[in-house]
Amino acid sequence: MAEPIEERNDCRDDLVCRLAWFLTGAAIGAAVAILYAPKSGKDTRKYITHRAQQGKQAVTETGKDIVDASREMFERGRKLVDEAADLFDHARKMVKG
């Protein structure tokens, strides 16, 4: 049988929450790294560029995961609606007798 609506919302909220915490952690980590960098300006810029690229890749991968999860939720919702319509039709036929 289908999952309760509240459980599905918790799953979506959890995914969004994880993404938000990931991005927050990445920003804090980058700021701390810059403040405590014992390197020259050129080396620090290279490091920042490299870390920014890693962050971009992580966000892209997370975005793809969110899209995949959204598609999965959409399909589950579609199946749930189809099942509800089938049940309604079955009940209507039973009432008509």
PDB file of N, CA and C in Angstrom:
ATOM      1  N   MET A   1       0.833  -1.174   0.000  1.00  0.00           N
ATOM      2  CA  MET A   1       0.000   0.000   0.000  1.00  0.00           C
ATOM      3  C   MET A   1       0.881   1.243   0.000  1.00  0.00           C
ATOM      4  N   ALA A   2       0.352   2.364  -0.318  1.00  0.00           N
ATOM      5  CA  ALA A   2       1.123   3.601  -0.439  1.00  0.00           C
ATOM      6  C   ALA A   2       1.540   4.138   0.928  1.00  0.00           C
ATOM      7  N   GLU A   3       2.653   4.912   0.917  1.00  0.00           N
ATOM      8  CA  GLU A   3       3.150   5.523   2.144  1.00  0.00           C
ATOM      9  C   GLU A   3       2.215   6.656   2.562  1.00  0.00           C
ATOM     10  N   PRO A   4       2.117   6.908   3.867  1.00  0.00           N
ATOM     11  CA  PRO A   4       1.335   8.069   4.294  1.00  0.00           C
ATOM     12  C   PRO A   4       1.970   9.356   3.762  1.00  0.00           C
ATOM     13  N   ILE A   5       1.141  10.357   3.549  1.00  0.00           N
ATOM     14  CA  ILE A   5       1.604  11.617   2.986  1.00  0.00           C
ATOM     15  C   ILE A   5       2.678  12.239   3.871  1.00  0.00           C
ATOM     16  N   GLU A   6       2.528  12.162   5.180  1.00  0.00           N
ATOM     17  CA  GLU A   6       3.476  12.773   6.092  1.00  0.00           C
ATOM     18  C   GLU A   6       4.872  12.171   5.925  1.00  0.00           C
ATOM     19  N   GLU A   7       4.971  10.859   5.714  1.00  0.00           N
ATOM     20  CA  GLU A   7       6.267  10.211   5.539  1.00  0.00           C
ATOM     21  C   GLU A   7       6.952  10.698   4.267  1.00  0.00           C
ATOM     22  N   ARG A   8       6.198  10.874   3.196  1.00  0.00           N
ATOM     23  CA  ARG A   8       6.770  11.343   1.941  1.00  0.00           C
ATOM     24  C   ARG A   8       7.269  12.768   2.085  1.00  0.00           C
ATOM     25  N   ASN A   9       6.537  13.618   2.790  1.00  0.00           N
ATOM     26  CA  ASN A   9       6.977  14.989   3.010  1.00  0.00           C
ATOM     27  C   ASN A   9       8.234  15.019   3.854  1.00  0.00           C
ATOM     28  N   ASP A  10       8.325  14.137   4.863  1.00  0.00           N
ATOM     29  CA  ASP A  10       9.516  14.084   5.698  1.00  0.00           C
ATOM     30  C   ASP A  10      10.737  13.723   4.858  1.00  0.00           C
ATOM     31  N   CYS A  11      10.571  12.807   3.922  1.00  0.00           N
ATOM     32  CA  CYS A  11      11.672  12.389   3.052  1.00  0.00           C
ATOM     33  C   CYS A  11      12.152  13.569   2.213  1.00  0.00           C
ATOM     34  N   ARG A  12      11.223  14.301   1.633  1.00  0.00           N
ATOM     35  CA  ARG A  12      11.582  15.454   0.809  1.00  0.00           C
ATOM     36  C   ARG A  12      12.229  16.528   1.673  1.00  0.00           C
ATOM     37  N   ASP A  13      11.643  16.791   2.838  1.00  0.00           N
ATOM     38  CA  ASP A  13      12.202  17.786   3.749  1.00  0.00           C
ATOM     39  C   ASP A  13      13.598  17.382   4.200  1.00  0.00           C
ATOM     40  N   ASP A  14      13.811  16.100   4.429  1.00  0.00           N
ATOM     41  CA  ASP A  14      15.125  15.614   4.858  1.00  0.00           C
ATOM     42  C   ASP A  14      16.150  15.851   3.766  1.00  0.00           C
ATOM     43  N   LEU A  15      15.799  15.627   2.530  1.00  0.00           N
ATOM     44  CA  LEU A  15      16.716  15.836   1.415  1.00  0.00           C
ATOM     45  C   LEU A  15      17.075  17.306   1.291  1.00  0.00           C
ATOM     46  N   VAL A  16      16.089  18.166   1.394  1.00  0.00           N
ATOM     47  CA  VAL A  16      16.338  19.611   1.321  1.00  0.00           C
ATOM     48  C   VAL A  16      17.182  20.051   2.504  1.00  0.00           C
ATOM     49  N   CYS A  17      16.891  19.519   3.669  1.00  0.00           N
ATOM     50  CA  CYS A  17      17.646  19.859   4.875  1.00  0.00           C
ATOM     51  C   CYS A  17      19.102  19.432   4.723  1.00  0.00           C
ATOM     52  N   ARG A  18      19.334  18.252   4.218  1.00  0.00           N
ATOM     53  CA  ARG A  18      20.708  17.780   4.020  1.00  0.00           C
ATOM     54  C   ARG A  18      21.468  18.670   3.047  1.00  0.00           C
ATOM     55  N   LEU A  19      20.806  19.065   1.975  1.00  0.00           N
ATOM     56  CA  LEU A  19      21.437  19.941   0.994  1.00  0.00           C
ATOM     57  C   LEU A  19      21.788  21.282   1.629  1.00  0.00           C
ATOM     58  N   ALA A  20      20.877  21.837   2.406  1.00  0.00           N
ATOM     59  CA  ALA A  20      21.132  23.123   3.053  1.00  0.00           C
ATOM     60  C   ALA A  20      22.310  23.020   4.022  1.00  0.00           C
ATOM     61  N   TRP A  21      22.361  21.961   4.819  1.00  0.00           N
ATOM     62  CA  TRP A  21      23.476  21.795   5.756  1.00  0.00           C
ATOM     63  C   TRP A  21      24.790  21.568   5.023  1.00  0.00           C
ATOM     64  N   PHE A  22      24.739  20.842   3.916  1.00  0.00           N
ATOM     65  CA  PHE A  22      25.948  20.615   3.126  1.00  0.00           C
ATOM     66  C   PHE A  22      26.504  21.940   2.608  1.00  0.00           C
ATOM     67  N   LEU A  23      25.623  22.751   2.016  1.00  0.00           N
ATOM     68  CA  LEU A  23      26.060  24.027   1.475  1.00  0.00           C
ATOM     69  C   LEU A  23      26.559  24.956   2.580  1.00  0.00           C
ATOM     70  N   THR A  24      25.907  24.950   3.729  1.00  0.00           N
ATOM     71  CA  THR A  24      26.347  25.756   4.865  1.00  0.00           C
ATOM     72  C   THR A  24      27.732  25.318   5.326  1.00  0.00           C
ATOM     73  N   GLY A  25      27.917  24.020   5.448  1.00  0.00           N
ATOM     74  CA  GLY A  25      29.220  23.487   5.849  1.00  0.00           C
ATOM     75  C   GLY A  25      30.313  23.820   4.852  1.00  0.00           C
ATOM     76  N   ALA A  26      29.978  23.744   3.576  1.00  0.00           N
ATOM     77  CA  ALA A  26      30.965  24.069   2.540  1.00  0.00           C
ATOM     78  C   ALA A  26      31.376  25.534   2.629  1.00  0.00           C
ATOM     79  N   ALA A  27      30.407  26.410   2.838  1.00  0.00           N
ATOM     80  CA  ALA A  27      30.719  27.844   2.935  1.00  0.00           C
ATOM     81  C   ALA A  27      31.561  28.139   4.174  1.00  0.00           C
ATOM     82  N   ILE A  28      31.204  27.555   5.307  1.00  0.00           N
ATOM     83  CA  ILE A  28      31.971  27.766   6.536  1.00  0.00           C
ATOM     84  C   ILE A  28      33.388  27.207   6.379  1.00  0.00           C
ATOM     85  N   GLY A  29      33.490  26.026   5.824  1.00  0.00           N
ATOM     86  CA  GLY A  29      34.805  25.420   5.606  1.00  0.00           C
ATOM     87  C   GLY A  29      35.683  26.263   4.697  1.00  0.00           C
ATOM     88  N   ALA A  30      35.111  26.804   3.646  1.00  0.00           N
ATOM     89  CA  ALA A  30      35.878  27.643   2.731  1.00  0.00           C
ATOM     90  C   ALA A  30      36.341  28.920   3.431  1.00  0.00           C
ATOM     91  N   ALA A  31      35.466  29.514   4.220  1.00  0.00           N
ATOM     92  CA  ALA A  31      35.829  30.745   4.929  1.00  0.00           C
ATOM     93  C   ALA A  31      36.960  30.490   5.924  1.00  0.00           C
ATOM     94  N   VAL A  32      36.863  29.422   6.676  1.00  0.00           N
ATOM     95  CA  VAL A  32      37.912  29.087   7.654  1.00  0.00           C
ATOM     96  C   VAL A  32      39.224  28.783   6.938  1.00  0.00           C
ATOM     97  N   ALA A  33      39.151  28.064   5.841  1.00  0.00           N
ATOM     98  CA  ALA A  33      40.358  27.725   5.092  1.00  0.00           C
ATOM     99  C   ALA A  33      41.058  28.976   4.579  1.00  0.00           C
ATOM    100  N   ILE A  34      40.295  29.933   4.110  1.00  0.00           N
ATOM    101  CA  ILE A  34      40.885  31.174   3.605  1.00  0.00           C
ATOM    102  C   ILE A  34      41.526  31.973   4.741  1.00  0.00           C
ATOM    103  N   LEU A  35      40.839  32.043   5.865  1.00  0.00           N
ATOM    104  CA  LEU A  35      41.351  32.821   6.998  1.00  0.00           C
ATOM    105  C   LEU A  35      42.641  32.243   7.568  1.00  0.00           C
ATOM    106  N   TYR A  36      42.770  30.959   7.565  1.00  0.00           N
ATOM    107  CA  TYR A  36      43.933  30.315   8.172  1.00  0.00           C
ATOM    108  C   TYR A  36      44.944  29.798   7.154  1.00  0.00           C
ATOM    109  N   ALA A  37      44.821  30.219   5.918  1.00  0.00           N
ATOM    110  CA  ALA A  37      45.717  29.733   4.869  1.00  0.00           C
ATOM    111  C   ALA A  37      47.124  30.308   5.053  1.00  0.00           C
ATOM    112  N   PRO A  38      48.116  29.450   5.240  1.00  0.00           N
ATOM    113  CA  PRO A  38      49.491  29.934   5.394  1.00  0.00           C
ATOM    114  C   PRO A  38      50.219  30.015   4.049  1.00  0.00           C
ATOM    115  N   LYS A  39      49.484  30.176   2.992  1.00  0.00           N
ATOM    116  CA  LYS A  39      50.084  30.159   1.654  1.00  0.00           C
ATOM    117  C   LYS A  39      50.125  31.566   1.070  1.00  0.00           C
ATOM    118  N   SER A  40      50.825  31.696  -0.040  1.00  0.00           N
ATOM    119  CA  SER A  40      50.872  32.977  -0.741  1.00  0.00           C
ATOM    120  C   SER A  40      49.533  33.255  -1.409  1.00  0.00           C
ATOM    121  N   GLY A  41      49.366  34.479  -1.861  1.00  0.00           N
ATOM    122  CA  GLY A  41      48.120  34.856  -2.528  1.00  0.00           C
ATOM    123  C   GLY A  41      47.835  34.014  -3.754  1.00  0.00           C
ATOM    124  N   LYS A  42      48.873  33.746  -4.548  1.00  0.00           N
ATOM    125  CA  LYS A  42      48.709  32.938  -5.766  1.00  0.00           C
ATOM    126  C   LYS A  42      48.275  31.520  -5.405  1.00  0.00           C
ATOM    127  N   ASP A  43      48.933  30.928  -4.421  1.00  0.00           N
ATOM    128  CA  ASP A  43      48.572  29.572  -3.999  1.00  0.00           C
ATOM    129  C   ASP A  43      47.168  29.536  -3.414  1.00  0.00           C
ATOM    130  N   THR A  44      46.822  30.568  -2.659  1.00  0.00           N
ATOM    131  CA  THR A  44      45.481  30.631  -2.053  1.00  0.00           C
ATOM    132  C   THR A  44      44.425  30.748  -3.143  1.00  0.00           C
ATOM    133  N   ARG A  45      44.667  31.552  -4.159  1.00  0.00           N
ATOM    134  CA  ARG A  45      43.703  31.679  -5.261  1.00  0.00           C
ATOM    135  C   ARG A  45      43.535  30.353  -5.992  1.00  0.00           C
ATOM    136  N   LYS A  46      44.640  29.632  -6.206  1.00  0.00           N
ATOM    137  CA  LYS A  46      44.543  28.310  -6.842  1.00  0.00           C
ATOM    138  C   LYS A  46      43.720  27.367  -5.973  1.00  0.00           C
ATOM    139  N   TYR A  47      43.986  27.420  -4.680  1.00  0.00           N
ATOM    140  CA  TYR A  47      43.254  26.569  -3.745  1.00  0.00           C
ATOM    141  C   TYR A  47      41.763  26.901  -3.770  1.00  0.00           C
ATOM    142  N   ILE A  48      41.442  28.193  -3.736  1.00  0.00           N
ATOM    143  CA  ILE A  48      40.039  28.626  -3.759  1.00  0.00           C
ATOM    144  C   ILE A  48      39.373  28.172  -5.051  1.00  0.00           C
ATOM    145  N   THR A  49      40.081  28.330  -6.175  1.00  0.00           N
ATOM    146  CA  THR A  49      39.533  27.901  -7.460  1.00  0.00           C
ATOM    147  C   THR A  49      39.253  26.395  -7.456  1.00  0.00           C
ATOM    148  N   HIS A  50      40.206  25.633  -6.942  1.00  0.00           N
ATOM    149  CA  HIS A  50      40.043  24.180  -6.882  1.00  0.00           C
ATOM    150  C   HIS A  50      38.854  23.799  -5.990  1.00  0.00           C
ATOM    151  N   ARG A  51      38.773  24.413  -4.815  1.00  0.00           N
ATOM    152  CA  ARG A  51      37.676  24.108  -3.887  1.00  0.00           C
ATOM    153  C   ARG A  51      36.326  24.542  -4.457  1.00  0.00           C
ATOM    154  N   ALA A  52      36.320  25.681  -5.149  1.00  0.00           N
ATOM    155  CA  ALA A  52      35.075  26.144  -5.770  1.00  0.00           C
ATOM    156  C   ALA A  52      34.612  25.146  -6.830  1.00  0.00           C
ATOM    157  N   GLN A  53      35.558  24.613  -7.597  1.00  0.00           N
ATOM    158  CA  GLN A  53      35.219  23.606  -8.612  1.00  0.00           C
ATOM    159  C   GLN A  53      34.658  22.349  -7.948  1.00  0.00           C
ATOM    160  N   GLN A  54      35.276  21.932  -6.852  1.00  0.00           N
ATOM    161  CA  GLN A  54      34.765  20.767  -6.118  1.00  0.00           C
ATOM    162  C   GLN A  54      33.363  21.041  -5.595  1.00  0.00           C
ATOM    163  N   GLY A  55      33.154  22.243  -5.064  1.00  0.00           N
ATOM    164  CA  GLY A  55      31.828  22.614  -4.571  1.00  0.00           C
ATOM    165  C   GLY A  55      30.799  22.615  -5.686  1.00  0.00           C
ATOM    166  N   LYS A  56      31.195  23.123  -6.848  1.00  0.00           N
ATOM    167  CA  LYS A  56      30.298  23.140  -8.008  1.00  0.00           C
ATOM    168  C   LYS A  56      29.908  21.718  -8.401  1.00  0.00           C
ATOM    169  N   GLN A  57      30.893  20.827  -8.423  1.00  0.00           N
ATOM    170  CA  GLN A  57      30.615  19.433  -8.771  1.00  0.00           C
ATOM    171  C   GLN A  57      29.688  18.791  -7.738  1.00  0.00           C
ATOM    172  N   ALA A  58      29.928  19.081  -6.472  1.00  0.00           N
ATOM    173  CA  ALA A  58      29.085  18.510  -5.422  1.00  0.00           C
ATOM    174  C   ALA A  58      27.656  19.013  -5.541  1.00  0.00           C
ATOM    175  N   VAL A  59      27.498  20.313  -5.812  1.00  0.00           N
ATOM    176  CA  VAL A  59      26.155  20.875  -5.968  1.00  0.00           C
ATOM    177  C   VAL A  59      25.473  20.280  -7.196  1.00  0.00           C
ATOM    178  N   THR A  60      26.231  20.104  -8.280  1.00  0.00           N
ATOM    179  CA  THR A  60      25.665  19.513  -9.494  1.00  0.00           C
ATOM    180  C   THR A  60      25.190  18.085  -9.226  1.00  0.00           C
ATOM    181  N   GLU A  61      26.022  17.296  -8.545  1.00  0.00           N
ATOM    182  CA  GLU A  61      25.638  15.915  -8.230  1.00  0.00           C
ATOM    183  C   GLU A  61      24.427  15.884  -7.302  1.00  0.00           C
ATOM    184  N   THR A  62      24.417  16.762  -6.314  1.00  0.00           N
ATOM    185  CA  THR A  62      23.280  16.813  -5.390  1.00  0.00           C
ATOM    186  C   THR A  62      22.023  17.235  -6.130  1.00  0.00           C
ATOM    187  N   GLY A  63      22.170  18.185  -7.046  1.00  0.00           N
ATOM    188  CA  GLY A  63      21.028  18.617  -7.856  1.00  0.00           C
ATOM    189  C   GLY A  63      20.467  17.472  -8.681  1.00  0.00           C
ATOM    190  N   LYS A  64      21.372  16.680  -9.255  1.00  0.00           N
ATOM    191  CA  LYS A  64      20.920  15.526 -10.037  1.00  0.00           C
ATOM    192  C   LYS A  64      20.191  14.527  -9.130  1.00  0.00           C
ATOM    193  N   ASP A  65      20.709  14.333  -7.919  1.00  0.00           N
ATOM    194  CA  ASP A  65      20.044  13.433  -6.975  1.00  0.00           C
ATOM    195  C   ASP A  65      18.653  13.947  -6.619  1.00  0.00           C
ATOM    196  N   ILE A  66      18.540  15.260  -6.444  1.00  0.00           N
ATOM    197  CA  ILE A  66      17.238  15.851  -6.120  1.00  0.00           C
ATOM    198  C   ILE A  66      16.272  15.664  -7.283  1.00  0.00           C
ATOM    199  N   VAL A  67      16.758  15.860  -8.505  1.00  0.00           N
ATOM    200  CA  VAL A  67      15.907  15.667  -9.684  1.00  0.00           C
ATOM    201  C   VAL A  67      15.442  14.212  -9.759  1.00  0.00           C
ATOM    202  N   ASP A  68      16.368  13.281  -9.543  1.00  0.00           N
ATOM    203  CA  ASP A  68      16.003  11.861  -9.571  1.00  0.00           C
ATOM    204  C   ASP A  68      14.977  11.536  -8.491  1.00  0.00           C
ATOM    205  N   ALA A  69      15.193  12.067  -7.284  1.00  0.00           N
ATOM    206  CA  ALA A  69      14.255  11.814  -6.189  1.00  0.00           C
ATOM    207  C   ALA A  69      12.895  12.429  -6.505  1.00  0.00           C
ATOM    208  N   SER A  70      12.902  13.607  -7.125  1.00  0.00           N
ATOM    209  CA  SER A  70      11.639  14.252  -7.485  1.00  0.00           C
ATOM    210  C   SER A  70      10.884  13.432  -8.521  1.00  0.00           C
ATOM    211  N   ARG A  71      11.604  12.920  -9.490  1.00  0.00           N
ATOM    212  CA  ARG A  71      10.958  12.080 -10.504  1.00  0.00           C
ATOM    213  C   ARG A  71      10.354  10.830  -9.858  1.00  0.00           C
ATOM    214  N   GLU A  72      11.114  10.240  -8.941  1.00  0.00           N
ATOM    215  CA  GLU A  72      10.623   9.049  -8.258  1.00  0.00           C
ATOM    216  C   GLU A  72       9.360   9.374  -7.459  1.00  0.00           C
ATOM    217  N   MET A  73       9.375  10.491  -6.743  1.00  0.00           N
ATOM    218  CA  MET A  73       8.190  10.891  -5.964  1.00  0.00           C
ATOM    219  C   MET A  73       7.010  11.165  -6.884  1.00  0.00           C
ATOM    220  N   PHE A  74       7.273  11.795  -8.035  1.00  0.00           N
ATOM    221  CA  PHE A  74       6.210  12.068  -8.985  1.00  0.00           C
ATOM    222  C   PHE A  74       5.586  10.770  -9.484  1.00  0.00           C
ATOM    223  N   GLU A  75       6.430   9.805  -9.819  1.00  0.00           N
ATOM    224  CA  GLU A  75       5.925   8.517 -10.297  1.00  0.00           C
ATOM    225  C   GLU A  75       5.126   7.795  -9.216  1.00  0.00           C
ATOM    226  N   ARG A  76       5.612   7.854  -7.973  1.00  0.00           N
ATOM    227  CA  ARG A  76       4.857   7.234  -6.882  1.00  0.00           C
ATOM    228  C   ARG A  76       3.513   7.926  -6.705  1.00  0.00           C
ATOM    229  N   GLY A  77       3.505   9.243  -6.845  1.00  0.00           N
ATOM    230  CA  GLY A  77       2.254   9.996  -6.744  1.00  0.00           C
ATOM    231  C   GLY A  77       1.298   9.626  -7.861  1.00  0.00           C
ATOM    232  N   ARG A  78       1.852   9.476  -9.051  1.00  0.00           N
ATOM    233  CA  ARG A  78       1.017   9.094 -10.196  1.00  0.00           C
ATOM    234  C   ARG A  78       0.403   7.710  -9.965  1.00  0.00           C
ATOM    235  N   LYS A  79       1.210   6.772  -9.471  1.00  0.00           N
ATOM    236  CA  LYS A  79       0.701   5.432  -9.193  1.00  0.00           C
ATOM    237  C   LYS A  79      -0.387   5.478  -8.120  1.00  0.00           C
ATOM    238  N   LEU A  80      -0.169   6.310  -7.106  1.00  0.00           N
ATOM    239  CA  LEU A  80      -1.151   6.439  -6.033  1.00  0.00           C
ATOM    240  C   LEU A  80      -2.476   6.971  -6.578  1.00  0.00           C
ATOM    241  N   VAL A  81      -2.401   7.966  -7.446  1.00  0.00           N
ATOM    242  CA  VAL A  81      -3.618   8.521  -8.046  1.00  0.00           C
ATOM    243  C   VAL A  81      -4.303   7.468  -8.910  1.00  0.00           C
ATOM    244  N   ASP A  82      -3.527   6.726  -9.679  1.00  0.00           N
ATOM    245  CA  ASP A  82      -4.110   5.671 -10.515  1.00  0.00           C
ATOM    246  C   ASP A  82      -4.794   4.605  -9.657  1.00  0.00           C
ATOM    247  N   GLU A  83      -4.146   4.223  -8.558  1.00  0.00           N
ATOM    248  CA  GLU A  83      -4.738   3.232  -7.665  1.00  0.00           C
ATOM    249  C   GLU A  83      -6.020   3.763  -7.038  1.00  0.00           C
ATOM    250  N   ALA A  84      -6.020   5.022  -6.645  1.00  0.00           N
ATOM    251  CA  ALA A  84      -7.218   5.625  -6.051  1.00  0.00           C
ATOM    252  C   ALA A  84      -8.350   5.667  -7.076  1.00  0.00           C
ATOM    253  N   ALA A  85      -8.022   6.003  -8.324  1.00  0.00           N
ATOM    254  CA  ALA A  85      -9.049   6.030  -9.373  1.00  0.00           C
ATOM    255  C   ALA A  85      -9.607   4.630  -9.609  1.00  0.00           C
ATOM    256  N   ASP A  86      -8.740   3.629  -9.607  1.00  0.00           N
ATOM    257  CA  ASP A  86      -9.203   2.246  -9.783  1.00  0.00           C
ATOM    258  C   ASP A  86     -10.120   1.828  -8.633  1.00  0.00           C
ATOM    259  N   LEU A  87      -9.722   2.169  -7.424  1.00  0.00           N
ATOM    260  CA  LEU A  87     -10.567   1.848  -6.262  1.00  0.00           C
ATOM    261  C   LEU A  87     -11.910   2.552  -6.346  1.00  0.00           C
ATOM    262  N   PHE A  88     -11.903   3.797  -6.762  1.00  0.00           N
ATOM    263  CA  PHE A  88     -13.146   4.545  -6.899  1.00  0.00           C
ATOM    264  C   PHE A  88     -14.044   3.896  -7.944  1.00  0.00           C
ATOM    265  N   ASP A  89     -13.473   3.531  -9.090  1.00  0.00           N
ATOM    266  CA  ASP A  89     -14.258   2.873 -10.138  1.00  0.00           C
ATOM    267  C   ASP A  89     -14.820   1.540  -9.647  1.00  0.00           C
ATOM    268  N   HIS A  90     -13.986   0.774  -8.939  1.00  0.00           N
ATOM    269  CA  HIS A  90     -14.432  -0.512  -8.403  1.00  0.00           C
ATOM    270  C   HIS A  90     -15.584  -0.307  -7.408  1.00  0.00           C
ATOM    271  N   ALA A  91     -15.441   0.672  -6.526  1.00  0.00           N
ATOM    272  CA  ALA A  91     -16.499   0.936  -5.542  1.00  0.00           C
ATOM    273  C   ALA A  91     -17.768   1.409  -6.231  1.00  0.00           C
ATOM    274  N   ARG A  92     -17.631   2.240  -7.256  1.00  0.00           N
ATOM    275  CA  ARG A  92     -18.804   2.730  -7.983  1.00  0.00           C
ATOM    276  C   ARG A  92     -19.537   1.566  -8.654  1.00  0.00           C
ATOM    277  N   LYS A  93     -18.787   0.629  -9.223  1.00  0.00           N
ATOM    278  CA  LYS A  93     -19.406  -0.534  -9.869  1.00  0.00           C
ATOM    279  C   LYS A  93     -20.122  -1.409  -8.843  1.00  0.00           C
ATOM    280  N   MET A  94     -19.512  -1.528  -7.656  1.00  0.00           N
ATOM    281  CA  MET A  94     -20.138  -2.338  -6.615  1.00  0.00           C
ATOM    282  C   MET A  94     -21.437  -1.708  -6.133  1.00  0.00           C
ATOM    283  N   VAL A  95     -21.466  -0.391  -6.049  1.00  0.00           N
ATOM    284  CA  VAL A  95     -22.687   0.318  -5.598  1.00  0.00           C
ATOM    285  C   VAL A  95     -23.784   0.184  -6.646  1.00  0.00           C
ATOM    286  N   LYS A  96     -23.411   0.274  -7.910  1.00  0.00           N
ATOM    287  CA  LYS A  96     -24.391   0.130  -8.985  1.00  0.00           C
ATOM    288  C   LYS A  96     -24.925  -1.293  -9.053  1.00  0.00           C
ATOM    289  N   GLY A  97     -24.076  -2.213  -8.608  1.00  0.00           N
ATOM    290  CA  GLY A  97     -24.471  -3.589  -8.475  1.00  0.00           C
ATOM    291  C   GLY A  97     -24.630  -4.336  -9.696  1.00  0.00           C
TER     292      GLY A  97
END
